[in-house]
Amino acid sequence: MTEYLTNYMKYIQDKLEKCVSASEIDEIMDEHLIKIGFMQHERIVHFLVTMLFSLILAIFIAVLVFTPNLPSLILVTIILVLLVFYIKHYYFLENTVQKMYKIYDSILEKQKKLRVNSK
């Protein structure tokens, strides 16, 4: 997903820079709005998974506090490592979606300019 989003961001920036007609910018806007919707959904899913892993981690830490043993410690460690990676990925998604909003604003601005120039 990280590679996909990174490639898409480069692609849409290039397409926006090369765009010269109102119909082209409308197509870019339609495509970008669809991608924003997909990424918002992806972000929500990853947020829920991250919260679930946080809850599971809290439960197993409580188990570890009350019944300290090696299997519980290993399980807490594994869940903690997974949670770190989920948080890292969620952070990337959150920041990328916010960048997508900024690109949306750029598309709107260019759309207005192209419509004024075409009249």
PDB file of N, CA and C in Angstrom:
ATOM      1  N   MET A   1       0.825  -1.189   0.000  1.00  0.00           N
ATOM      2  CA  MET A   1       0.000   0.000   0.000  1.00  0.00           C
ATOM      3  C   MET A   1       0.870   1.254   0.000  1.00  0.00           C
ATOM      4  N   THR A   2       1.970   1.208   0.722  1.00  0.00           N
ATOM      5  CA  THR A   2       2.871   2.363   0.782  1.00  0.00           C
ATOM      6  C   THR A   2       3.408   2.690  -0.605  1.00  0.00           C
ATOM      7  N   GLU A   3       3.863   1.683  -1.312  1.00  0.00           N
ATOM      8  CA  GLU A   3       4.399   1.886  -2.661  1.00  0.00           C
ATOM      9  C   GLU A   3       3.299   2.374  -3.607  1.00  0.00           C
ATOM     10  N   TYR A   4       2.129   1.777  -3.492  1.00  0.00           N
ATOM     11  CA  TYR A   4       0.993   2.165  -4.337  1.00  0.00           C
ATOM     12  C   TYR A   4       0.662   3.645  -4.150  1.00  0.00           C
ATOM     13  N   LEU A   5       0.565   4.064  -2.903  1.00  0.00           N
ATOM     14  CA  LEU A   5       0.227   5.459  -2.621  1.00  0.00           C
ATOM     15  C   LEU A   5       1.326   6.418  -3.055  1.00  0.00           C
ATOM     16  N   THR A   6       2.560   6.044  -2.819  1.00  0.00           N
ATOM     17  CA  THR A   6       3.684   6.883  -3.231  1.00  0.00           C
ATOM     18  C   THR A   6       3.687   7.058  -4.744  1.00  0.00           C
ATOM     19  N   ASN A   7       3.488   5.974  -5.471  1.00  0.00           N
ATOM     20  CA  ASN A   7       3.429   6.045  -6.938  1.00  0.00           C
ATOM     21  C   ASN A   7       2.242   6.870  -7.413  1.00  0.00           C
ATOM     22  N   TYR A   8       1.102   6.704  -6.754  1.00  0.00           N
ATOM     23  CA  TYR A   8      -0.082   7.469  -7.145  1.00  0.00           C
ATOM     24  C   TYR A   8       0.150   8.964  -6.938  1.00  0.00           C
ATOM     25  N   MET A   9       0.765   9.324  -5.824  1.00  0.00           N
ATOM     26  CA  MET A   9       1.006  10.745  -5.536  1.00  0.00           C
ATOM     27  C   MET A   9       1.915  11.371  -6.606  1.00  0.00           C
ATOM     28  N   LYS A  10       2.934  10.638  -7.033  1.00  0.00           N
ATOM     29  CA  LYS A  10       3.809  11.134  -8.103  1.00  0.00           C
ATOM     30  C   LYS A  10       3.023  11.250  -9.413  1.00  0.00           C
ATOM     31  N   TYR A  11       2.234  10.235  -9.694  1.00  0.00           N
ATOM     32  CA  TYR A  11       1.443  10.190 -10.927  1.00  0.00           C
ATOM     33  C   TYR A  11       0.477  11.369 -11.002  1.00  0.00           C
ATOM     34  N   ILE A  12      -0.240  11.620  -9.919  1.00  0.00           N
ATOM     35  CA  ILE A  12      -1.261  12.677  -9.954  1.00  0.00           C
ATOM     36  C   ILE A  12      -0.608  14.054 -10.011  1.00  0.00           C
ATOM     37  N   GLN A  13       0.535  14.211  -9.360  1.00  0.00           N
ATOM     38  CA  GLN A  13       1.254  15.493  -9.430  1.00  0.00           C
ATOM     39  C   GLN A  13       1.719  15.756 -10.870  1.00  0.00           C
ATOM     40  N   ASP A  14       2.289  14.733 -11.504  1.00  0.00           N
ATOM     41  CA  ASP A  14       2.735  14.873 -12.898  1.00  0.00           C
ATOM     42  C   ASP A  14       1.565  15.192 -13.823  1.00  0.00           C
ATOM     43  N   LYS A  15       0.487  14.473 -13.629  1.00  0.00           N
ATOM     44  CA  LYS A  15      -0.690  14.673 -14.469  1.00  0.00           C
ATOM     45  C   LYS A  15      -1.250  16.085 -14.275  1.00  0.00           C
ATOM     46  N   LEU A  16      -1.231  16.565 -13.062  1.00  0.00           N
ATOM     47  CA  LEU A  16      -1.732  17.908 -12.762  1.00  0.00           C
ATOM     48  C   LEU A  16      -0.848  18.978 -13.393  1.00  0.00           C
ATOM     49  N   GLU A  17       0.457  18.783 -13.348  1.00  0.00           N
ATOM     50  CA  GLU A  17       1.386  19.751 -13.932  1.00  0.00           C
ATOM     51  C   GLU A  17       1.254  19.818 -15.461  1.00  0.00           C
ATOM     52  N   LYS A  18       0.974  18.684 -16.096  1.00  0.00           N
ATOM     53  CA  LYS A  18       0.887  18.627 -17.559  1.00  0.00           C
ATOM     54  C   LYS A  18      -0.492  18.984 -18.100  1.00  0.00           C
ATOM     55  N   CYS A  19      -1.447  19.101 -17.230  1.00  0.00           N
ATOM     56  CA  CYS A  19      -2.828  19.355 -17.631  1.00  0.00           C
ATOM     57  C   CYS A  19      -2.980  20.756 -18.227  1.00  0.00           C
ATOM     58  N   VAL A  20      -3.658  20.838 -19.377  1.00  0.00           N
ATOM     59  CA  VAL A  20      -3.839  22.136 -20.045  1.00  0.00           C
ATOM     60  C   VAL A  20      -5.285  22.434 -20.450  1.00  0.00           C
ATOM     61  N   SER A  21      -6.186  21.483 -20.261  1.00  0.00           N
ATOM     62  CA  SER A  21      -7.569  21.729 -20.683  1.00  0.00           C
ATOM     63  C   SER A  21      -8.541  21.479 -19.528  1.00  0.00           C
ATOM     64  N   ALA A  22      -9.711  22.113 -19.642  1.00  0.00           N
ATOM     65  CA  ALA A  22     -10.746  21.976 -18.615  1.00  0.00           C
ATOM     66  C   ALA A  22     -11.254  20.535 -18.521  1.00  0.00           C
ATOM     67  N   SER A  23     -11.385  19.866 -19.654  1.00  0.00           N
ATOM     68  CA  SER A  23     -11.875  18.482 -19.624  1.00  0.00           C
ATOM     69  C   SER A  23     -10.858  17.557 -18.952  1.00  0.00           C
ATOM     70  N   GLU A  24      -9.578  17.828 -19.199  1.00  0.00           N
ATOM     71  CA  GLU A  24      -8.521  17.032 -18.565  1.00  0.00           C
ATOM     72  C   GLU A  24      -8.540  17.196 -17.050  1.00  0.00           C
ATOM     73  N   ILE A  25      -8.677  18.436 -16.606  1.00  0.00           N
ATOM     74  CA  ILE A  25      -8.668  18.696 -15.161  1.00  0.00           C
ATOM     75  C   ILE A  25      -9.899  18.094 -14.498  1.00  0.00           C
ATOM     76  N   ASP A  26     -11.013  18.057 -15.222  1.00  0.00           N
ATOM     77  CA  ASP A  26     -12.220  17.415 -14.678  1.00  0.00           C
ATOM     78  C   ASP A  26     -12.000  15.915 -14.492  1.00  0.00           C
ATOM     79  N   GLU A  27     -11.338  15.296 -15.454  1.00  0.00           N
ATOM     80  CA  GLU A  27     -11.022  13.862 -15.343  1.00  0.00           C
ATOM     81  C   GLU A  27     -10.084  13.615 -14.163  1.00  0.00           C
ATOM     82  N   ILE A  28      -9.095  14.493 -14.017  1.00  0.00           N
ATOM     83  CA  ILE A  28      -8.153  14.355 -12.895  1.00  0.00           C
ATOM     84  C   ILE A  28      -8.902  14.480 -11.569  1.00  0.00           C
ATOM     85  N   MET A  29      -9.812  15.447 -11.499  1.00  0.00           N
ATOM     86  CA  MET A  29     -10.592  15.649 -10.268  1.00  0.00           C
ATOM     87  C   MET A  29     -11.437  14.431  -9.942  1.00  0.00           C
ATOM     88  N   ASP A  30     -12.128  13.883 -10.940  1.00  0.00           N
ATOM     89  CA  ASP A  30     -12.953  12.699 -10.718  1.00  0.00           C
ATOM     90  C   ASP A  30     -12.119  11.533 -10.201  1.00  0.00           C
ATOM     91  N   GLU A  31     -10.990  11.303 -10.853  1.00  0.00           N
ATOM     92  CA  GLU A  31     -10.102  10.211 -10.449  1.00  0.00           C
ATOM     93  C   GLU A  31      -9.584  10.426  -9.027  1.00  0.00           C
ATOM     94  N   HIS A  32      -9.184  11.653  -8.737  1.00  0.00           N
ATOM     95  CA  HIS A  32      -8.599  11.943  -7.432  1.00  0.00           C
ATOM     96  C   HIS A  32      -9.627  11.796  -6.307  1.00  0.00           C
ATOM     97  N   LEU A  33     -10.850  12.223  -6.555  1.00  0.00           N
ATOM     98  CA  LEU A  33     -11.895  12.076  -5.538  1.00  0.00           C
ATOM     99  C   LEU A  33     -12.167  10.607  -5.228  1.00  0.00           C
ATOM    100  N   ILE A  34     -12.130   9.771  -6.254  1.00  0.00           N
ATOM    101  CA  ILE A  34     -12.322   8.331  -6.045  1.00  0.00           C
ATOM    102  C   ILE A  34     -11.184   7.773  -5.199  1.00  0.00           C
ATOM    103  N   LYS A  35      -9.946   8.160  -5.515  1.00  0.00           N
ATOM    104  CA  LYS A  35      -8.788   7.678  -4.748  1.00  0.00           C
ATOM    105  C   LYS A  35      -8.842   8.163  -3.304  1.00  0.00           C
ATOM    106  N   ILE A  36      -9.265   9.406  -3.093  1.00  0.00           N
ATOM    107  CA  ILE A  36      -9.393   9.907  -1.725  1.00  0.00           C
ATOM    108  C   ILE A  36     -10.386   9.040  -0.947  1.00  0.00           C
ATOM    109  N   GLY A  37     -11.495   8.700  -1.580  1.00  0.00           N
ATOM    110  CA  GLY A  37     -12.485   7.838  -0.930  1.00  0.00           C
ATOM    111  C   GLY A  37     -11.901   6.485  -0.552  1.00  0.00           C
ATOM    112  N   PHE A  38     -11.144   5.879  -1.473  1.00  0.00           N
ATOM    113  CA  PHE A  38     -10.504   4.597  -1.192  1.00  0.00           C
ATOM    114  C   PHE A  38      -9.549   4.711  -0.010  1.00  0.00           C
ATOM    115  N   MET A  39      -8.745   5.769  -0.017  1.00  0.00           N
ATOM    116  CA  MET A  39      -7.727   5.922   1.027  1.00  0.00           C
ATOM    117  C   MET A  39      -8.345   6.280   2.369  1.00  0.00           C
ATOM    118  N   GLN A  40      -9.451   7.001   2.360  1.00  0.00           N
ATOM    119  CA  GLN A  40     -10.148   7.271   3.619  1.00  0.00           C
ATOM    120  C   GLN A  40     -10.670   5.966   4.219  1.00  0.00           C
ATOM    121  N   HIS A  41     -11.197   5.105   3.371  1.00  0.00           N
ATOM    122  CA  HIS A  41     -11.663   3.803   3.840  1.00  0.00           C
ATOM    123  C   HIS A  41     -10.498   2.991   4.402  1.00  0.00           C
ATOM    124  N   GLU A  42      -9.402   2.963   3.676  1.00  0.00           N
ATOM    125  CA  GLU A  42      -8.206   2.241   4.108  1.00  0.00           C
ATOM    126  C   GLU A  42      -7.718   2.776   5.456  1.00  0.00           C
ATOM    127  N   ARG A  43      -7.732   4.088   5.590  1.00  0.00           N
ATOM    128  CA  ARG A  43      -7.285   4.728   6.835  1.00  0.00           C
ATOM    129  C   ARG A  43      -8.178   4.327   8.003  1.00  0.00           C
ATOM    130  N   ILE A  44      -9.483   4.305   7.794  1.00  0.00           N
ATOM    131  CA  ILE A  44     -10.404   3.916   8.870  1.00  0.00           C
ATOM    132  C   ILE A  44     -10.176   2.464   9.284  1.00  0.00           C
ATOM    133  N   VAL A  45     -10.008   1.593   8.314  1.00  0.00           N
ATOM    134  CA  VAL A  45      -9.769   0.178   8.617  1.00  0.00           C
ATOM    135  C   VAL A  45      -8.486   0.018   9.430  1.00  0.00           C
ATOM    136  N   HIS A  46      -7.422   0.705   9.008  1.00  0.00           N
ATOM    137  CA  HIS A  46      -6.160   0.595   9.741  1.00  0.00           C
ATOM    138  C   HIS A  46      -6.259   1.220  11.132  1.00  0.00           C
ATOM    139  N   PHE A  47      -7.047   2.268  11.272  1.00  0.00           N
ATOM    140  CA  PHE A  47      -7.259   2.853  12.592  1.00  0.00           C
ATOM    141  C   PHE A  47      -7.941   1.845  13.512  1.00  0.00           C
ATOM    142  N   LEU A  48      -8.974   1.182  13.008  1.00  0.00           N
ATOM    143  CA  LEU A  48      -9.694   0.193  13.825  1.00  0.00           C
ATOM    144  C   LEU A  48      -8.793  -0.985  14.198  1.00  0.00           C
ATOM    145  N   VAL A  49      -7.998  -1.453  13.254  1.00  0.00           N
ATOM    146  CA  VAL A  49      -7.075  -2.554  13.545  1.00  0.00           C
ATOM    147  C   VAL A  49      -6.040  -2.121  14.581  1.00  0.00           C
ATOM    148  N   THR A  50      -5.537  -0.905  14.448  1.00  0.00           N
ATOM    149  CA  THR A  50      -4.562  -0.393  15.405  1.00  0.00           C
ATOM    150  C   THR A  50      -5.177  -0.312  16.799  1.00  0.00           C
ATOM    151  N   MET A  51      -6.403   0.175  16.892  1.00  0.00           N
ATOM    152  CA  MET A  51      -7.070   0.259  18.192  1.00  0.00           C
ATOM    153  C   MET A  51      -7.333  -1.136  18.767  1.00  0.00           C
ATOM    154  N   LEU A  52      -7.688  -2.074  17.918  1.00  0.00           N
ATOM    155  CA  LEU A  52      -7.903  -3.444  18.372  1.00  0.00           C
ATOM    156  C   LEU A  52      -6.606  -4.034  18.937  1.00  0.00           C
ATOM    157  N   PHE A  53      -5.505  -3.839  18.219  1.00  0.00           N
ATOM    158  CA  PHE A  53      -4.215  -4.335  18.710  1.00  0.00           C
ATOM    159  C   PHE A  53      -3.819  -3.639  20.008  1.00  0.00           C
ATOM    160  N   SER A  54      -4.150  -2.361  20.150  1.00  0.00           N
ATOM    161  CA  SER A  54      -3.854  -1.647  21.397  1.00  0.00           C
ATOM    162  C   SER A  54      -4.645  -2.235  22.557  1.00  0.00           C
ATOM    163  N   LEU A  55      -5.900  -2.529  22.311  1.00  0.00           N
ATOM    164  CA  LEU A  55      -6.744  -3.138  23.336  1.00  0.00           C
ATOM    165  C   LEU A  55      -6.223  -4.524  23.717  1.00  0.00           C
ATOM    166  N   ILE A  56      -5.886  -5.313  22.713  1.00  0.00           N
ATOM    167  CA  ILE A  56      -5.336  -6.655  22.978  1.00  0.00           C
ATOM    168  C   ILE A  56      -4.037  -6.549  23.755  1.00  0.00           C
ATOM    169  N   LEU A  57      -3.192  -5.591  23.403  1.00  0.00           N
ATOM    170  CA  LEU A  57      -1.937  -5.394  24.125  1.00  0.00           C
ATOM    171  C   LEU A  57      -2.200  -5.041  25.582  1.00  0.00           C
ATOM    172  N   ALA A  58      -3.152  -4.144  25.830  1.00  0.00           N
ATOM    173  CA  ALA A  58      -3.484  -3.762  27.210  1.00  0.00           C
ATOM    174  C   ALA A  58      -3.977  -4.966  28.005  1.00  0.00           C
ATOM    175  N   ILE A  59      -4.797  -5.794  27.382  1.00  0.00           N
ATOM    176  CA  ILE A  59      -5.308  -6.993  28.062  1.00  0.00           C
ATOM    177  C   ILE A  59      -4.164  -7.940  28.412  1.00  0.00           C
ATOM    178  N   PHE A  60      -3.278  -8.174  27.463  1.00  0.00           N
ATOM    179  CA  PHE A  60      -2.179  -9.107  27.729  1.00  0.00           C
ATOM    180  C   PHE A  60      -1.138  -8.534  28.694  1.00  0.00           C
ATOM    181  N   ILE A  61      -1.001  -7.212  28.727  1.00  0.00           N
ATOM    182  CA  ILE A  61      -0.123  -6.622  29.741  1.00  0.00           C
ATOM    183  C   ILE A  61      -0.727  -6.839  31.131  1.00  0.00           C
ATOM    184  N   ALA A  62      -2.054  -6.694  31.229  1.00  0.00           N
ATOM    185  CA  ALA A  62      -2.726  -6.967  32.506  1.00  0.00           C
ATOM    186  C   ALA A  62      -2.542  -8.429  32.907  1.00  0.00           C
ATOM    187  N   VAL A  63      -2.670  -9.325  31.951  1.00  0.00           N
ATOM    188  CA  VAL A  63      -2.439 -10.755  32.226  1.00  0.00           C
ATOM    189  C   VAL A  63      -1.011 -10.962  32.695  1.00  0.00           C
ATOM    190  N   LEU A  64      -0.070 -10.300  32.058  1.00  0.00           N
ATOM    191  CA  LEU A  64       1.340 -10.435  32.418  1.00  0.00           C
ATOM    192  C   LEU A  64       1.609  -9.907  33.822  1.00  0.00           C
ATOM    193  N   VAL A  65       0.944  -8.819  34.199  1.00  0.00           N
ATOM    194  CA  VAL A  65       1.132  -8.250  35.535  1.00  0.00           C
ATOM    195  C   VAL A  65       0.616  -9.211  36.612  1.00  0.00           C
ATOM    196  N   PHE A  66      -0.537  -9.817  36.360  1.00  0.00           N
ATOM    197  CA  PHE A  66      -1.143 -10.693  37.367  1.00  0.00           C
ATOM    198  C   PHE A  66      -0.609 -12.119  37.348  1.00  0.00           C
ATOM    199  N   THR A  67      -0.174 -12.585  36.198  1.00  0.00           N
ATOM    200  CA  THR A  67       0.398 -13.939  36.111  1.00  0.00           C
ATOM    201  C   THR A  67       1.666 -13.886  35.274  1.00  0.00           C
ATOM    202  N   PRO A  68       2.748 -13.400  35.867  1.00  0.00           N
ATOM    203  CA  PRO A  68       3.984 -13.286  35.086  1.00  0.00           C
ATOM    204  C   PRO A  68       4.541 -14.653  34.689  1.00  0.00           C
ATOM    205  N   ASN A  69       4.661 -14.857  33.391  1.00  0.00           N
ATOM    206  CA  ASN A  69       5.281 -16.086  32.884  1.00  0.00           C
ATOM    207  C   ASN A  69       5.861 -15.796  31.499  1.00  0.00           C
ATOM    208  N   LEU A  70       6.714 -16.659  31.042  1.00  0.00           N
ATOM    209  CA  LEU A  70       7.424 -16.448  29.789  1.00  0.00           C
ATOM    210  C   LEU A  70       6.492 -16.394  28.566  1.00  0.00           C
ATOM    211  N   PRO A  71       5.521 -17.300  28.430  1.00  0.00           N
ATOM    212  CA  PRO A  71       4.634 -17.216  27.256  1.00  0.00           C
ATOM    213  C   PRO A  71       3.881 -15.879  27.171  1.00  0.00           C
ATOM    214  N   SER A  72       3.436 -15.369  28.310  1.00  0.00           N
ATOM    215  CA  SER A  72       2.739 -14.072  28.307  1.00  0.00           C
ATOM    216  C   SER A  72       3.684 -12.953  27.882  1.00  0.00           C
ATOM    217  N   LEU A  73       4.913 -12.990  28.359  1.00  0.00           N
ATOM    218  CA  LEU A  73       5.904 -11.991  27.988  1.00  0.00           C
ATOM    219  C   LEU A  73       6.203 -12.038  26.494  1.00  0.00           C
ATOM    220  N   ILE A  74       6.327 -13.236  25.952  1.00  0.00           N
ATOM    221  CA  ILE A  74       6.586 -13.393  24.514  1.00  0.00           C
ATOM    222  C   ILE A  74       5.399 -12.854  23.709  1.00  0.00           C
ATOM    223  N   LEU A  75       4.190 -13.174  24.146  1.00  0.00           N
ATOM    224  CA  LEU A  75       2.987 -12.701  23.453  1.00  0.00           C
ATOM    225  C   LEU A  75       2.889 -11.174  23.499  1.00  0.00           C
ATOM    226  N   VAL A  76       3.161 -10.571  24.640  1.00  0.00           N
ATOM    227  CA  VAL A  76       3.134  -9.111  24.762  1.00  0.00           C
ATOM    228  C   VAL A  76       4.170  -8.488  23.832  1.00  0.00           C
ATOM    229  N   THR A  77       5.347  -9.090  23.764  1.00  0.00           N
ATOM    230  CA  THR A  77       6.411  -8.580  22.900  1.00  0.00           C
ATOM    231  C   THR A  77       5.998  -8.634  21.431  1.00  0.00           C
ATOM    232  N   ILE A  78       5.427  -9.748  21.018  1.00  0.00           N
ATOM    233  CA  ILE A  78       4.981  -9.895  19.625  1.00  0.00           C
ATOM    234  C   ILE A  78       3.900  -8.879  19.286  1.00  0.00           C
ATOM    235  N   ILE A  79       2.923  -8.731  20.166  1.00  0.00           N
ATOM    236  CA  ILE A  79       1.836  -7.782  19.921  1.00  0.00           C
ATOM    237  C   ILE A  79       2.375  -6.353  19.885  1.00  0.00           C
ATOM    238  N   LEU A  80       3.321  -6.047  20.766  1.00  0.00           N
ATOM    239  CA  LEU A  80       3.912  -4.711  20.796  1.00  0.00           C
ATOM    240  C   LEU A  80       4.645  -4.398  19.488  1.00  0.00           C
ATOM    241  N   VAL A  81       5.393  -5.356  18.975  1.00  0.00           N
ATOM    242  CA  VAL A  81       6.110  -5.159  17.707  1.00  0.00           C
ATOM    243  C   VAL A  81       5.109  -4.952  16.565  1.00  0.00           C
ATOM    244  N   LEU A  82       4.067  -5.773  16.520  1.00  0.00           N
ATOM    245  CA  LEU A  82       3.034  -5.598  15.487  1.00  0.00           C
ATOM    246  C   LEU A  82       2.370  -4.235  15.597  1.00  0.00           C
ATOM    247  N   LEU A  83       2.095  -3.815  16.826  1.00  0.00           N
ATOM    248  CA  LEU A  83       1.447  -2.524  17.040  1.00  0.00           C
ATOM    249  C   LEU A  83       2.325  -1.375  16.554  1.00  0.00           C
ATOM    250  N   VAL A  84       3.614  -1.467  16.771  1.00  0.00           N
ATOM    251  CA  VAL A  84       4.529  -0.427  16.293  1.00  0.00           C
ATOM    252  C   VAL A  84       4.441  -0.308  14.769  1.00  0.00           C
ATOM    253  N   PHE A  85       4.421  -1.444  14.085  1.00  0.00           N
ATOM    254  CA  PHE A  85       4.329  -1.401  12.624  1.00  0.00           C
ATOM    255  C   PHE A  85       2.964  -0.883  12.146  1.00  0.00           C
ATOM    256  N   TYR A  86       1.895  -1.258  12.848  1.00  0.00           N
ATOM    257  CA  TYR A  86       0.577  -0.732  12.494  1.00  0.00           C
ATOM    258  C   TYR A  86       0.522   0.779  12.682  1.00  0.00           C
ATOM    259  N   ILE A  87       1.097   1.277  13.767  1.00  0.00           N
ATOM    260  CA  ILE A  87       1.106   2.722  14.014  1.00  0.00           C
ATOM    261  C   ILE A  87       1.919   3.427  12.942  1.00  0.00           C
ATOM    262  N   LYS A  88       3.051   2.857  12.578  1.00  0.00           N
ATOM    263  CA  LYS A  88       3.894   3.456  11.524  1.00  0.00           C
ATOM    264  C   LYS A  88       3.114   3.535  10.207  1.00  0.00           C
ATOM    265  N   HIS A  89       2.425   2.467   9.854  1.00  0.00           N
ATOM    266  CA  HIS A  89       1.665   2.452   8.604  1.00  0.00           C
ATOM    267  C   HIS A  89       0.475   3.419   8.683  1.00  0.00           C
ATOM    268  N   TYR A  90      -0.200   3.440   9.810  1.00  0.00           N
ATOM    269  CA  TYR A  90      -1.330   4.355   9.976  1.00  0.00           C
ATOM    270  C   TYR A  90      -0.860   5.806   9.869  1.00  0.00           C
ATOM    271  N   TYR A  91       0.290   6.108  10.446  1.00  0.00           N
ATOM    272  CA  TYR A  91       0.871   7.449  10.367  1.00  0.00           C
ATOM    273  C   TYR A  91       1.108   7.830   8.905  1.00  0.00           C
ATOM    274  N   PHE A  92       1.660   6.902   8.128  1.00  0.00           N
ATOM    275  CA  PHE A  92       1.882   7.144   6.700  1.00  0.00           C
ATOM    276  C   PHE A  92       0.554   7.402   5.982  1.00  0.00           C
ATOM    277  N   LEU A  93      -0.449   6.567   6.250  1.00  0.00           N
ATOM    278  CA  LEU A  93      -1.758   6.746   5.597  1.00  0.00           C
ATOM    279  C   LEU A  93      -2.369   8.095   5.951  1.00  0.00           C
ATOM    280  N   GLU A  94      -2.324   8.439   7.205  1.00  0.00           N
ATOM    281  CA  GLU A  94      -2.914   9.702   7.659  1.00  0.00           C
ATOM    282  C   GLU A  94      -2.248  10.886   6.960  1.00  0.00           C
ATOM    283  N   ASN A  95      -0.935  10.901   6.944  1.00  0.00           N
ATOM    284  CA  ASN A  95      -0.215  12.005   6.299  1.00  0.00           C
ATOM    285  C   ASN A  95      -0.445  12.045   4.796  1.00  0.00           C
ATOM    286  N   THR A  96      -0.511  10.888   4.165  1.00  0.00           N
ATOM    287  CA  THR A  96      -0.723  10.843   2.720  1.00  0.00           C
ATOM    288  C   THR A  96      -2.122  11.320   2.352  1.00  0.00           C
ATOM    289  N   VAL A  97      -3.115  10.942   3.134  1.00  0.00           N
ATOM    290  CA  VAL A  97      -4.475  11.416   2.852  1.00  0.00           C
ATOM    291  C   VAL A  97      -4.540  12.931   3.005  1.00  0.00           C
ATOM    292  N   GLN A  98      -3.845  13.470   3.983  1.00  0.00           N
ATOM    293  CA  GLN A  98      -3.824  14.922   4.138  1.00  0.00           C
ATOM    294  C   GLN A  98      -3.132  15.586   2.944  1.00  0.00           C
ATOM    295  N   LYS A  99      -2.092  14.958   2.415  1.00  0.00           N
ATOM    296  CA  LYS A  99      -1.444  15.469   1.202  1.00  0.00           C
ATOM    297  C   LYS A  99      -2.412  15.394   0.018  1.00  0.00           C
ATOM    298  N   MET A 100      -3.228  14.341  -0.008  1.00  0.00           N
ATOM    299  CA  MET A 100      -4.214  14.207  -1.077  1.00  0.00           C
ATOM    300  C   MET A 100      -5.226  15.348  -1.015  1.00  0.00           C
ATOM    301  N   TYR A 101      -5.569  15.789   0.194  1.00  0.00           N
ATOM    302  CA  TYR A 101      -6.473  16.933   0.343  1.00  0.00           C
ATOM    303  C   TYR A 101      -5.835  18.193  -0.237  1.00  0.00           C
ATOM    304  N   LYS A 102      -4.536  18.355  -0.024  1.00  0.00           N
ATOM    305  CA  LYS A 102      -3.835  19.523  -0.561  1.00  0.00           C
ATOM    306  C   LYS A 102      -3.791  19.470  -2.089  1.00  0.00           C
ATOM    307  N   ILE A 103      -3.591  18.280  -2.625  1.00  0.00           N
ATOM    308  CA  ILE A 103      -3.617  18.129  -4.084  1.00  0.00           C
ATOM    309  C   ILE A 103      -5.016  18.439  -4.610  1.00  0.00           C
ATOM    310  N   TYR A 104      -6.033  18.018  -3.883  1.00  0.00           N
ATOM    311  CA  TYR A 104      -7.411  18.344  -4.253  1.00  0.00           C
ATOM    312  C   TYR A 104      -7.588  19.857  -4.346  1.00  0.00           C
ATOM    313  N   ASP A 105      -7.050  20.591  -3.371  1.00  0.00           N
ATOM    314  CA  ASP A 105      -7.126  22.048  -3.406  1.00  0.00           C
ATOM    315  C   ASP A 105      -6.398  22.606  -4.632  1.00  0.00           C
ATOM    316  N   SER A 106      -5.259  22.019  -4.961  1.00  0.00           N
ATOM    317  CA  SER A 106      -4.511  22.446  -6.155  1.00  0.00           C
ATOM    318  C   SER A 106      -5.308  22.185  -7.423  1.00  0.00           C
ATOM    319  N   ILE A 107      -5.974  21.051  -7.472  1.00  0.00           N
ATOM    320  CA  ILE A 107      -6.806  20.717  -8.637  1.00  0.00           C
ATOM    321  C   ILE A 107      -7.944  21.731  -8.757  1.00  0.00           C
ATOM    322  N   LEU A 108      -8.587  22.045  -7.641  1.00  0.00           N
ATOM    323  CA  LEU A 108      -9.666  23.038  -7.666  1.00  0.00           C
ATOM    324  C   LEU A 108      -9.176  24.381  -8.185  1.00  0.00           C
ATOM    325  N   GLU A 109      -8.015  24.797  -7.708  1.00  0.00           N
ATOM    326  CA  GLU A 109      -7.443  26.072  -8.142  1.00  0.00           C
ATOM    327  C   GLU A 109      -7.161  26.072  -9.642  1.00  0.00           C
ATOM    328  N   LYS A 110      -6.568  24.984 -10.114  1.00  0.00           N
ATOM    329  CA  LYS A 110      -6.261  24.893 -11.543  1.00  0.00           C
ATOM    330  C   LYS A 110      -7.540  24.797 -12.366  1.00  0.00           C
ATOM    331  N   GLN A 111      -8.531  24.116 -11.830  1.00  0.00           N
ATOM    332  CA  GLN A 111      -9.820  23.997 -12.512  1.00  0.00           C
ATOM    333  C   GLN A 111     -10.429  25.387 -12.722  1.00  0.00           C
ATOM    334  N   LYS A 112     -10.394  26.207 -11.693  1.00  0.00           N
ATOM    335  CA  LYS A 112     -10.922  27.572 -11.808  1.00  0.00           C
ATOM    336  C   LYS A 112     -10.161  28.386 -12.843  1.00  0.00           C
ATOM    337  N   LYS A 113      -8.833  28.289 -12.826  1.00  0.00           N
ATOM    338  CA  LYS A 113      -8.015  29.032 -13.780  1.00  0.00           C
ATOM    339  C   LYS A 113      -8.299  28.596 -15.212  1.00  0.00           C
ATOM    340  N   LEU A 114      -8.405  27.285 -15.422  1.00  0.00           N
ATOM    341  CA  LEU A 114      -8.649  26.780 -16.777  1.00  0.00           C
ATOM    342  C   LEU A 114     -10.038  27.175 -17.273  1.00  0.00           C
ATOM    343  N   ARG A 115     -11.002  27.203 -16.383  1.00  0.00           N
ATOM    344  CA  ARG A 115     -12.369  27.596 -16.789  1.00  0.00           C
ATOM    345  C   ARG A 115     -12.415  29.080 -17.136  1.00  0.00           C
ATOM    346  N   VAL A 116     -11.688  29.904 -16.376  1.00  0.00           N
ATOM    347  CA  VAL A 116     -11.647  31.338 -16.656  1.00  0.00           C
ATOM    348  C   VAL A 116     -10.939  31.571 -17.994  1.00  0.00           C
ATOM    349  N   ASN A 117      -9.855  30.858 -18.244  1.00  0.00           N
ATOM    350  CA  ASN A 117      -9.103  31.012 -19.493  1.00  0.00           C
ATOM    351  C   ASN A 117      -9.867  30.509 -20.707  1.00  0.00           C
ATOM    352  N   SER A 118     -10.740  29.534 -20.501  1.00  0.00           N
ATOM    353  CA  SER A 118     -11.458  28.965 -21.658  1.00  0.00           C
ATOM    354  C   SER A 118     -12.666  29.796 -22.066  1.00  0.00           C
ATOM    355  N   LYS A 119     -13.050  30.749 -21.229  1.00  0.00           N
ATOM    356  CA  LYS A 119     -14.232  31.584 -21.561  1.00  0.00           C
ATOM    357  C   LYS A 119     -13.884  32.718 -22.462  1.00  0.00           C
TER     358      LYS A 119
END
